[in-house]
Amino acid sequence: MDFGAFVEILPGVDGLLHVIDMSYARIGKASDVYKPGDEVEAKVLKIDPVSKKISLGLKQLQEDPWTTGARTFTMGDRVSGTVFAAR
């Protein structure tokens, strides 16, 4: 699915790994990163017993880039970078 990937947690139990929870970097489609049969280690973000849905996340297992940036840069630092066109 373009919006994410269904991950079999146990036989008969699937969770949804939404594309926005795959990485802090921008990902266009889940198929750009994963294909059927890939194994992933994910964090359970939410379990909704009413709708019987489980939400999963990968980026939540990584350090937040804003935290890394705050340690790397200080107010007033001059840095250079590349501007990318908006998608």
PDB file of N, CA and C in Angstrom:
ATOM      1  N   MET A   1       0.832  -1.178   0.000  1.00  0.00           N
ATOM      2  CA  MET A   1       0.000   0.000   0.000  1.00  0.00           C
ATOM      3  C   MET A   1       0.881   1.246   0.000  1.00  0.00           C
ATOM      4  N   ASP A   2       0.474   2.266  -0.704  1.00  0.00           N
ATOM      5  CA  ASP A   2       1.253   3.499  -0.740  1.00  0.00           C
ATOM      6  C   ASP A   2       1.321   4.174   0.628  1.00  0.00           C
ATOM      7  N   PHE A   3       0.255   4.066   1.420  1.00  0.00           N
ATOM      8  CA  PHE A   3       0.179   4.774   2.697  1.00  0.00           C
ATOM      9  C   PHE A   3       0.896   4.068   3.835  1.00  0.00           C
ATOM     10  N   GLY A   4       1.291   2.810   3.624  1.00  0.00           N
ATOM     11  CA  GLY A   4       1.970   2.066   4.684  1.00  0.00           C
ATOM     12  C   GLY A   4       2.103   0.603   4.334  1.00  0.00           C
ATOM     13  N   ALA A   5       2.468  -0.169   5.352  1.00  0.00           N
ATOM     14  CA  ALA A   5       2.652  -1.606   5.162  1.00  0.00           C
ATOM     15  C   ALA A   5       1.971  -2.344   6.307  1.00  0.00           C
ATOM     16  N   PHE A   6       1.310  -3.423   5.960  1.00  0.00           N
ATOM     17  CA  PHE A   6       0.732  -4.272   6.983  1.00  0.00           C
ATOM     18  C   PHE A   6       1.787  -5.279   7.405  1.00  0.00           C
ATOM     19  N   VAL A   7       2.007  -5.378   8.714  1.00  0.00           N
ATOM     20  CA  VAL A   7       3.043  -6.241   9.265  1.00  0.00           C
ATOM     21  C   VAL A   7       2.371  -7.333  10.085  1.00  0.00           C
ATOM     22  N   GLU A   8       2.679  -8.585   9.764  1.00  0.00           N
ATOM     23  CA  GLU A   8       2.132  -9.695  10.534  1.00  0.00           C
ATOM     24  C   GLU A   8       2.930  -9.816  11.829  1.00  0.00           C
ATOM     25  N   ILE A   9       2.259  -9.555  12.949  1.00  0.00           N
ATOM     26  CA  ILE A   9       2.900  -9.606  14.257  1.00  0.00           C
ATOM     27  C   ILE A   9       2.887 -11.042  14.773  1.00  0.00           C
ATOM     28  N   LEU A  10       1.748 -11.669  14.679  1.00  0.00           N
ATOM     29  CA  LEU A  10       1.531 -13.077  15.002  1.00  0.00           C
ATOM     30  C   LEU A  10       0.655 -13.643  13.898  1.00  0.00           C
ATOM     31  N   PRO A  11       0.601 -14.959  13.741  1.00  0.00           N
ATOM     32  CA  PRO A  11      -0.315 -15.499  12.735  1.00  0.00           C
ATOM     33  C   PRO A  11      -1.743 -14.989  12.977  1.00  0.00           C
ATOM     34  N   GLY A  12      -2.304 -14.316  11.986  1.00  0.00           N
ATOM     35  CA  GLY A  12      -3.654 -13.783  12.084  1.00  0.00           C
ATOM     36  C   GLY A  12      -3.760 -12.427  12.752  1.00  0.00           C
ATOM     37  N   VAL A  13      -2.630 -11.865  13.194  1.00  0.00           N
ATOM     38  CA  VAL A  13      -2.631 -10.550  13.847  1.00  0.00           C
ATOM     39  C   VAL A  13      -1.703  -9.618  13.068  1.00  0.00           C
ATOM     40  N   ASP A  14      -2.294  -8.585  12.456  1.00  0.00           N
ATOM     41  CA  ASP A  14      -1.519  -7.626  11.660  1.00  0.00           C
ATOM     42  C   ASP A  14      -1.534  -6.258  12.312  1.00  0.00           C
ATOM     43  N   GLY A  15      -0.471  -5.521  12.093  1.00  0.00           N
ATOM     44  CA  GLY A  15      -0.391  -4.136  12.517  1.00  0.00           C
ATOM     45  C   GLY A  15      -0.091  -3.276  11.305  1.00  0.00           C
ATOM     46  N   LEU A  16      -0.472  -2.010  11.374  1.00  0.00           N
ATOM     47  CA  LEU A  16      -0.204  -1.089  10.268  1.00  0.00           C
ATOM     48  C   LEU A  16       0.991  -0.218  10.607  1.00  0.00           C
ATOM     49  N   LEU A  17       1.970  -0.244   9.738  1.00  0.00           N
ATOM     50  CA  LEU A  17       3.134   0.630   9.833  1.00  0.00           C
ATOM     51  C   LEU A  17       2.917   1.733   8.800  1.00  0.00           C
ATOM     52  N   HIS A  18       2.410   2.876   9.266  1.00  0.00           N
ATOM     53  CA  HIS A  18       2.089   3.982   8.360  1.00  0.00           C
ATOM     54  C   HIS A  18       3.384   4.605   7.840  1.00  0.00           C
ATOM     55  N   VAL A  19       3.347   5.109   6.624  1.00  0.00           N
ATOM     56  CA  VAL A  19       4.529   5.678   5.981  1.00  0.00           C
ATOM     57  C   VAL A  19       5.143   6.815   6.812  1.00  0.00           C
ATOM     58  N   ILE A  20       4.327   7.601   7.521  1.00  0.00           N
ATOM     59  CA  ILE A  20       4.879   8.702   8.322  1.00  0.00           C
ATOM     60  C   ILE A  20       5.597   8.211   9.576  1.00  0.00           C
ATOM     61  N   ASP A  21       5.386   6.947   9.943  1.00  0.00           N
ATOM     62  CA  ASP A  21       6.057   6.382  11.107  1.00  0.00           C
ATOM     63  C   ASP A  21       7.220   5.468  10.727  1.00  0.00           C
ATOM     64  N   MET A  22       7.618   5.477   9.465  1.00  0.00           N
ATOM     65  CA  MET A  22       8.734   4.643   9.019  1.00  0.00           C
ATOM     66  C   MET A  22      10.084   5.314   9.233  1.00  0.00           C
ATOM     67  N   SER A  23      10.139   6.625   9.061  1.00  0.00           N
ATOM     68  CA  SER A  23      11.414   7.324   9.122  1.00  0.00           C
ATOM     69  C   SER A  23      11.180   8.799   9.372  1.00  0.00           C
ATOM     70  N   TYR A  24      12.187   9.465   9.942  1.00  0.00           N
ATOM     71  CA  TYR A  24      12.117  10.916  10.075  1.00  0.00           C
ATOM     72  C   TYR A  24      12.335  11.572   8.715  1.00  0.00           C
ATOM     73  N   ALA A  25      12.984  10.867   7.792  1.00  0.00           N
ATOM     74  CA  ALA A  25      13.173  11.373   6.432  1.00  0.00           C
ATOM     75  C   ALA A  25      11.869  11.185   5.654  1.00  0.00           C
ATOM     76  N   ARG A  26      11.686  11.966   4.626  1.00  0.00           N
ATOM     77  CA  ARG A  26      10.465  11.873   3.821  1.00  0.00           C
ATOM     78  C   ARG A  26      10.499  10.604   2.976  1.00  0.00           C
ATOM     79  N   ILE A  27       9.411   9.862   3.022  1.00  0.00           N
ATOM     80  CA  ILE A  27       9.253   8.648   2.218  1.00  0.00           C
ATOM     81  C   ILE A  27       7.996   8.820   1.386  1.00  0.00           C
ATOM     82  N   GLY A  28       8.105   8.594   0.092  1.00  0.00           N
ATOM     83  CA  GLY A  28       6.957   8.749  -0.794  1.00  0.00           C
ATOM     84  C   GLY A  28       5.943   7.627  -0.639  1.00  0.00           C
ATOM     85  N   LYS A  29       6.406   6.399  -0.761  1.00  0.00           N
ATOM     86  CA  LYS A  29       5.533   5.229  -0.670  1.00  0.00           C
ATOM     87  C   LYS A  29       6.241   4.159   0.156  1.00  0.00           C
ATOM     88  N   ALA A  30       5.465   3.349   0.829  1.00  0.00           N
ATOM     89  CA  ALA A  30       6.041   2.263   1.629  1.00  0.00           C
ATOM     90  C   ALA A  30       6.870   1.324   0.748  1.00  0.00           C
ATOM     91  N   SER A  31       6.432   1.122  -0.491  1.00  0.00           N
ATOM     92  CA  SER A  31       7.144   0.214  -1.394  1.00  0.00           C
ATOM     93  C   SER A  31       8.512   0.749  -1.808  1.00  0.00           C
ATOM     94  N   ASP A  32       8.788   2.029  -1.548  1.00  0.00           N
ATOM     95  CA  ASP A  32      10.118   2.574  -1.804  1.00  0.00           C
ATOM     96  C   ASP A  32      11.125   2.040  -0.784  1.00  0.00           C
ATOM     97  N   VAL A  33      10.625   1.563   0.349  1.00  0.00           N
ATOM     98  CA  VAL A  33      11.487   1.137   1.442  1.00  0.00           C
ATOM     99  C   VAL A  33      11.383  -0.365   1.719  1.00  0.00           C
ATOM    100  N   TYR A  34      10.172  -0.905   1.662  1.00  0.00           N
ATOM    101  CA  TYR A  34       9.945  -2.305   2.025  1.00  0.00           C
ATOM    102  C   TYR A  34       9.247  -3.061   0.919  1.00  0.00           C
ATOM    103  N   LYS A  35       9.481  -4.380   0.929  1.00  0.00           N
ATOM    104  CA  LYS A  35       8.799  -5.264  -0.006  1.00  0.00           C
ATOM    105  C   LYS A  35       8.240  -6.448   0.781  1.00  0.00           C
ATOM    106  N   PRO A  36       7.251  -7.146   0.247  1.00  0.00           N
ATOM    107  CA  PRO A  36       6.685  -8.290   0.961  1.00  0.00           C
ATOM    108  C   PRO A  36       7.772  -9.289   1.355  1.00  0.00           C
ATOM    109  N   GLY A  37       7.708  -9.750   2.590  1.00  0.00           N
ATOM    110  CA  GLY A  37       8.690 -10.709   3.096  1.00  0.00           C
ATOM    111  C   GLY A  37       9.776 -10.079   3.941  1.00  0.00           C
ATOM    112  N   ASP A  38       9.935  -8.747   3.877  1.00  0.00           N
ATOM    113  CA  ASP A  38      10.931  -8.069   4.710  1.00  0.00           C
ATOM    114  C   ASP A  38      10.546  -8.206   6.177  1.00  0.00           C
ATOM    115  N   GLU A  39      11.548  -8.354   7.021  1.00  0.00           N
ATOM    116  CA  GLU A  39      11.325  -8.387   8.460  1.00  0.00           C
ATOM    117  C   GLU A  39      11.661  -7.017   9.032  1.00  0.00           C
ATOM    118  N   VAL A  40      10.849  -6.552   9.961  1.00  0.00           N
ATOM    119  CA  VAL A  40      11.065  -5.262  10.599  1.00  0.00           C
ATOM    120  C   VAL A  40      10.909  -5.406  12.106  1.00  0.00           C
ATOM    121  N   GLU A  41      11.607  -4.560  12.831  1.00  0.00           N
ATOM    122  CA  GLU A  41      11.419  -4.456  14.267  1.00  0.00           C
ATOM    123  C   GLU A  41      10.754  -3.107  14.497  1.00  0.00           C
ATOM    124  N   ALA A  42       9.574  -3.117  15.065  1.00  0.00           N
ATOM    125  CA  ALA A  42       8.796  -1.889  15.219  1.00  0.00           C
ATOM    126  C   ALA A  42       8.291  -1.767  16.647  1.00  0.00           C
ATOM    127  N   LYS A  43       7.878  -0.553  16.973  1.00  0.00           N
ATOM    128  CA  LYS A  43       7.306  -0.269  18.285  1.00  0.00           C
ATOM    129  C   LYS A  43       5.783  -0.213  18.146  1.00  0.00           C
ATOM    130  N   VAL A  44       5.081  -0.805  19.102  1.00  0.00           N
ATOM    131  CA  VAL A  44       3.623  -0.713  19.112  1.00  0.00           C
ATOM    132  C   VAL A  44       3.270   0.676  19.632  1.00  0.00           C
ATOM    133  N   LEU A  45       2.589   1.465  18.808  1.00  0.00           N
ATOM    134  CA  LEU A  45       2.227   2.827  19.163  1.00  0.00           C
ATOM    135  C   LEU A  45       0.833   2.908  19.784  1.00  0.00           C
ATOM    136  N   LYS A  46      -0.075   2.088  19.264  1.00  0.00           N
ATOM    137  CA  LYS A  46      -1.453   2.170  19.736  1.00  0.00           C
ATOM    138  C   LYS A  46      -2.162   0.849  19.451  1.00  0.00           C
ATOM    139  N   ILE A  47      -2.997   0.450  20.391  1.00  0.00           N
ATOM    140  CA  ILE A  47      -3.876  -0.702  20.197  1.00  0.00           C
ATOM    141  C   ILE A  47      -5.289  -0.223  20.446  1.00  0.00           C
ATOM    142  N   ASP A  48      -6.136  -0.376  19.444  1.00  0.00           N
ATOM    143  CA  ASP A  48      -7.535   0.016  19.573  1.00  0.00           C
ATOM    144  C   ASP A  48      -8.375  -1.258  19.607  1.00  0.00           C
ATOM    145  N   PRO A  49      -8.803  -1.664  20.814  1.00  0.00           N
ATOM    146  CA  PRO A  49      -9.559  -2.915  20.918  1.00  0.00           C
ATOM    147  C   PRO A  49     -10.936  -2.855  20.246  1.00  0.00           C
ATOM    148  N   VAL A  50     -11.509  -1.662  20.127  1.00  0.00           N
ATOM    149  CA  VAL A  50     -12.826  -1.529  19.507  1.00  0.00           C
ATOM    150  C   VAL A  50     -12.739  -1.815  18.012  1.00  0.00           C
ATOM    151  N   SER A  51     -11.797  -1.146  17.341  1.00  0.00           N
ATOM    152  CA  SER A  51     -11.654  -1.336  15.892  1.00  0.00           C
ATOM    153  C   SER A  51     -10.716  -2.493  15.556  1.00  0.00           C
ATOM    154  N   LYS A  52     -10.081  -3.054  16.596  1.00  0.00           N
ATOM    155  CA  LYS A  52      -9.131  -4.170  16.421  1.00  0.00           C
ATOM    156  C   LYS A  52      -7.982  -3.779  15.490  1.00  0.00           C
ATOM    157  N   LYS A  53      -7.441  -2.567  15.727  1.00  0.00           N
ATOM    158  CA  LYS A  53      -6.325  -2.073  14.925  1.00  0.00           C
ATOM    159  C   LYS A  53      -5.102  -1.859  15.808  1.00  0.00           C
ATOM    160  N   ILE A  54      -3.943  -2.160  15.249  1.00  0.00           N
ATOM    161  CA  ILE A  54      -2.670  -1.960  15.931  1.00  0.00           C
ATOM    162  C   ILE A  54      -1.823  -1.046  15.058  1.00  0.00           C
ATOM    163  N   SER A  55      -1.326   0.047  15.641  1.00  0.00           N
ATOM    164  CA  SER A  55      -0.458   0.979  14.919  1.00  0.00           C
ATOM    165  C   SER A  55       0.983   0.725  15.336  1.00  0.00           C
ATOM    166  N   LEU A  56       1.873   0.696  14.350  1.00  0.00           N
ATOM    167  CA  LEU A  56       3.289   0.433  14.589  1.00  0.00           C
ATOM    168  C   LEU A  56       4.133   1.614  14.144  1.00  0.00           C
ATOM    169  N   GLY A  57       5.345   1.712  14.693  1.00  0.00           N
ATOM    170  CA  GLY A  57       6.271   2.771  14.293  1.00  0.00           C
ATOM    171  C   GLY A  57       7.706   2.294  14.300  1.00  0.00           C
ATOM    172  N   LEU A  58       8.465   2.731  13.312  1.00  0.00           N
ATOM    173  CA  LEU A  58       9.906   2.446  13.241  1.00  0.00           C
ATOM    174  C   LEU A  58      10.728   3.642  13.703  1.00  0.00           C
ATOM    175  N   LYS A  59      10.328   4.839  13.289  1.00  0.00           N
ATOM    176  CA  LYS A  59      11.121   6.018  13.617  1.00  0.00           C
ATOM    177  C   LYS A  59      11.160   6.248  15.123  1.00  0.00           C
ATOM    178  N   GLN A  60      10.182   5.744  15.845  1.00  0.00           N
ATOM    179  CA  GLN A  60      10.142   5.917  17.289  1.00  0.00           C
ATOM    180  C   GLN A  60      11.245   5.113  17.986  1.00  0.00           C
ATOM    181  N   LEU A  61      11.899   4.226  17.264  1.00  0.00           N
ATOM    182  CA  LEU A  61      13.030   3.468  17.806  1.00  0.00           C
ATOM    183  C   LEU A  61      14.362   4.188  17.551  1.00  0.00           C
ATOM    184  N   GLN A  62      14.325   5.297  16.812  1.00  0.00           N
ATOM    185  CA  GLN A  62      15.527   6.068  16.485  1.00  0.00           C
ATOM    186  C   GLN A  62      15.532   7.366  17.286  1.00  0.00           C
ATOM    187  N   GLU A  63      16.709   7.965  17.382  1.00  0.00           N
ATOM    188  CA  GLU A  63      16.797   9.251  18.063  1.00  0.00           C
ATOM    189  C   GLU A  63      16.163  10.339  17.199  1.00  0.00           C
ATOM    190  N   ASP A  64      15.423  11.220  17.836  1.00  0.00           N
ATOM    191  CA  ASP A  64      14.772  12.330  17.155  1.00  0.00           C
ATOM    192  C   ASP A  64      15.837  13.273  16.596  1.00  0.00           C
ATOM    193  N   PRO A  65      15.803  13.597  15.294  1.00  0.00           N
ATOM    194  CA  PRO A  65      16.830  14.470  14.711  1.00  0.00           C
ATOM    195  C   PRO A  65      16.845  15.876  15.316  1.00  0.00           C
ATOM    196  N   TRP A  66      15.726  16.336  15.866  1.00  0.00           N
ATOM    197  CA  TRP A  66      15.708  17.654  16.503  1.00  0.00           C
ATOM    198  C   TRP A  66      16.542  17.628  17.785  1.00  0.00           C
ATOM    199  N   THR A  67      16.549  16.503  18.469  1.00  0.00           N
ATOM    200  CA  THR A  67      17.376  16.367  19.672  1.00  0.00           C
ATOM    201  C   THR A  67      18.850  16.360  19.287  1.00  0.00           C
ATOM    202  N   THR A  68      19.172  15.641  18.227  1.00  0.00           N
ATOM    203  CA  THR A  68      20.550  15.596  17.736  1.00  0.00           C
ATOM    204  C   THR A  68      20.997  16.987  17.292  1.00  0.00           C
ATOM    205  N   GLY A  69      20.140  17.690  16.570  1.00  0.00           N
ATOM    206  CA  GLY A  69      20.466  19.036  16.097  1.00  0.00           C
ATOM    207  C   GLY A  69      20.692  20.007  17.237  1.00  0.00           C
ATOM    208  N   ALA A  70      19.904  19.884  18.283  1.00  0.00           N
ATOM    209  CA  ALA A  70      20.051  20.779  19.434  1.00  0.00           C
ATOM    210  C   ALA A  70      21.395  20.562  20.135  1.00  0.00           C
ATOM    211  N   ARG A  71      21.912  19.342  20.096  1.00  0.00           N
ATOM    212  CA  ARG A  71      23.233  19.063  20.683  1.00  0.00           C
ATOM    213  C   ARG A  71      24.360  19.514  19.758  1.00  0.00           C
ATOM    214  N   THR A  72      24.101  19.496  18.455  1.00  0.00           N
ATOM    215  CA  THR A  72      25.131  19.790  17.462  1.00  0.00           C
ATOM    216  C   THR A  72      25.315  21.288  17.231  1.00  0.00           C
ATOM    217  N   PHE A  73      24.212  22.022  17.200  1.00  0.00           N
ATOM    218  CA  PHE A  73      24.255  23.442  16.870  1.00  0.00           C
ATOM    219  C   PHE A  73      23.847  24.288  18.076  1.00  0.00           C
ATOM    220  N   THR A  74      24.407  25.493  18.116  1.00  0.00           N
ATOM    221  CA  THR A  74      24.003  26.438  19.156  1.00  0.00           C
ATOM    222  C   THR A  74      23.502  27.711  18.487  1.00  0.00           C
ATOM    223  N   MET A  75      22.740  28.489  19.225  1.00  0.00           N
ATOM    224  CA  MET A  75      22.183  29.736  18.711  1.00  0.00           C
ATOM    225  C   MET A  75      23.310  30.614  18.174  1.00  0.00           C
ATOM    226  N   GLY A  76      23.130  31.126  16.953  1.00  0.00           N
ATOM    227  CA  GLY A  76      24.117  32.003  16.352  1.00  0.00           C
ATOM    228  C   GLY A  76      25.110  31.298  15.439  1.00  0.00           C
ATOM    229  N   ASP A  77      25.134  29.942  15.443  1.00  0.00           N
ATOM    230  CA  ASP A  77      26.031  29.217  14.540  1.00  0.00           C
ATOM    231  C   ASP A  77      25.673  29.536  13.094  1.00  0.00           C
ATOM    232  N   ARG A  78      26.693  29.578  12.235  1.00  0.00           N
ATOM    233  CA  ARG A  78      26.469  29.730  10.799  1.00  0.00           C
ATOM    234  C   ARG A  78      26.727  28.378  10.161  1.00  0.00           C
ATOM    235  N   VAL A  79      25.788  27.952   9.346  1.00  0.00           N
ATOM    236  CA  VAL A  79      25.909  26.658   8.685  1.00  0.00           C
ATOM    237  C   VAL A  79      25.572  26.828   7.212  1.00  0.00           C
ATOM    238  N   SER A  80      26.018  25.899   6.394  1.00  0.00           N
ATOM    239  CA  SER A  80      25.652  25.909   4.972  1.00  0.00           C
ATOM    240  C   SER A  80      24.884  24.646   4.665  1.00  0.00           C
ATOM    241  N   GLY A  81      24.041  24.712   3.650  1.00  0.00           N
ATOM    242  CA  GLY A  81      23.233  23.558   3.279  1.00  0.00           C
ATOM    243  C   GLY A  81      22.692  23.709   1.876  1.00  0.00           C
ATOM    244  N   THR A  82      21.898  22.756   1.472  1.00  0.00           N
ATOM    245  CA  THR A  82      21.303  22.731   0.141  1.00  0.00           C
ATOM    246  C   THR A  82      19.794  22.867   0.274  1.00  0.00           C
ATOM    247  N   VAL A  83      19.223  23.744  -0.542  1.00  0.00           N
ATOM    248  CA  VAL A  83      17.771  23.932  -0.561  1.00  0.00           C
ATOM    249  C   VAL A  83      17.189  22.985  -1.592  1.00  0.00           C
ATOM    250  N   PHE A  84      16.185  22.215  -1.173  1.00  0.00           N
ATOM    251  CA  PHE A  84      15.512  21.283  -2.063  1.00  0.00           C
ATOM    252  C   PHE A  84      14.139  21.840  -2.402  1.00  0.00           C
ATOM    253  N   ALA A  85      13.670  21.548  -3.611  1.00  0.00           N
ATOM    254  CA  ALA A  85      12.332  21.981  -4.013  1.00  0.00           C
ATOM    255  C   ALA A  85      11.285  21.223  -3.216  1.00  0.00           C
ATOM    256  N   ALA A  86      10.198  21.886  -2.902  1.00  0.00           N
ATOM    257  CA  ALA A  86       9.088  21.234  -2.203  1.00  0.00           C
ATOM    258  C   ALA A  86       8.447  20.228  -3.149  1.00  0.00           C
ATOM    259  N   ARG A  87       7.957  19.144  -2.568  1.00  0.00           N
ATOM    260  CA  ARG A  87       7.324  18.106  -3.398  1.00  0.00           C
ATOM    261  C   ARG A  87       5.880  18.365  -3.566  1.00  0.00           C
TER     262      ARG A  87
END
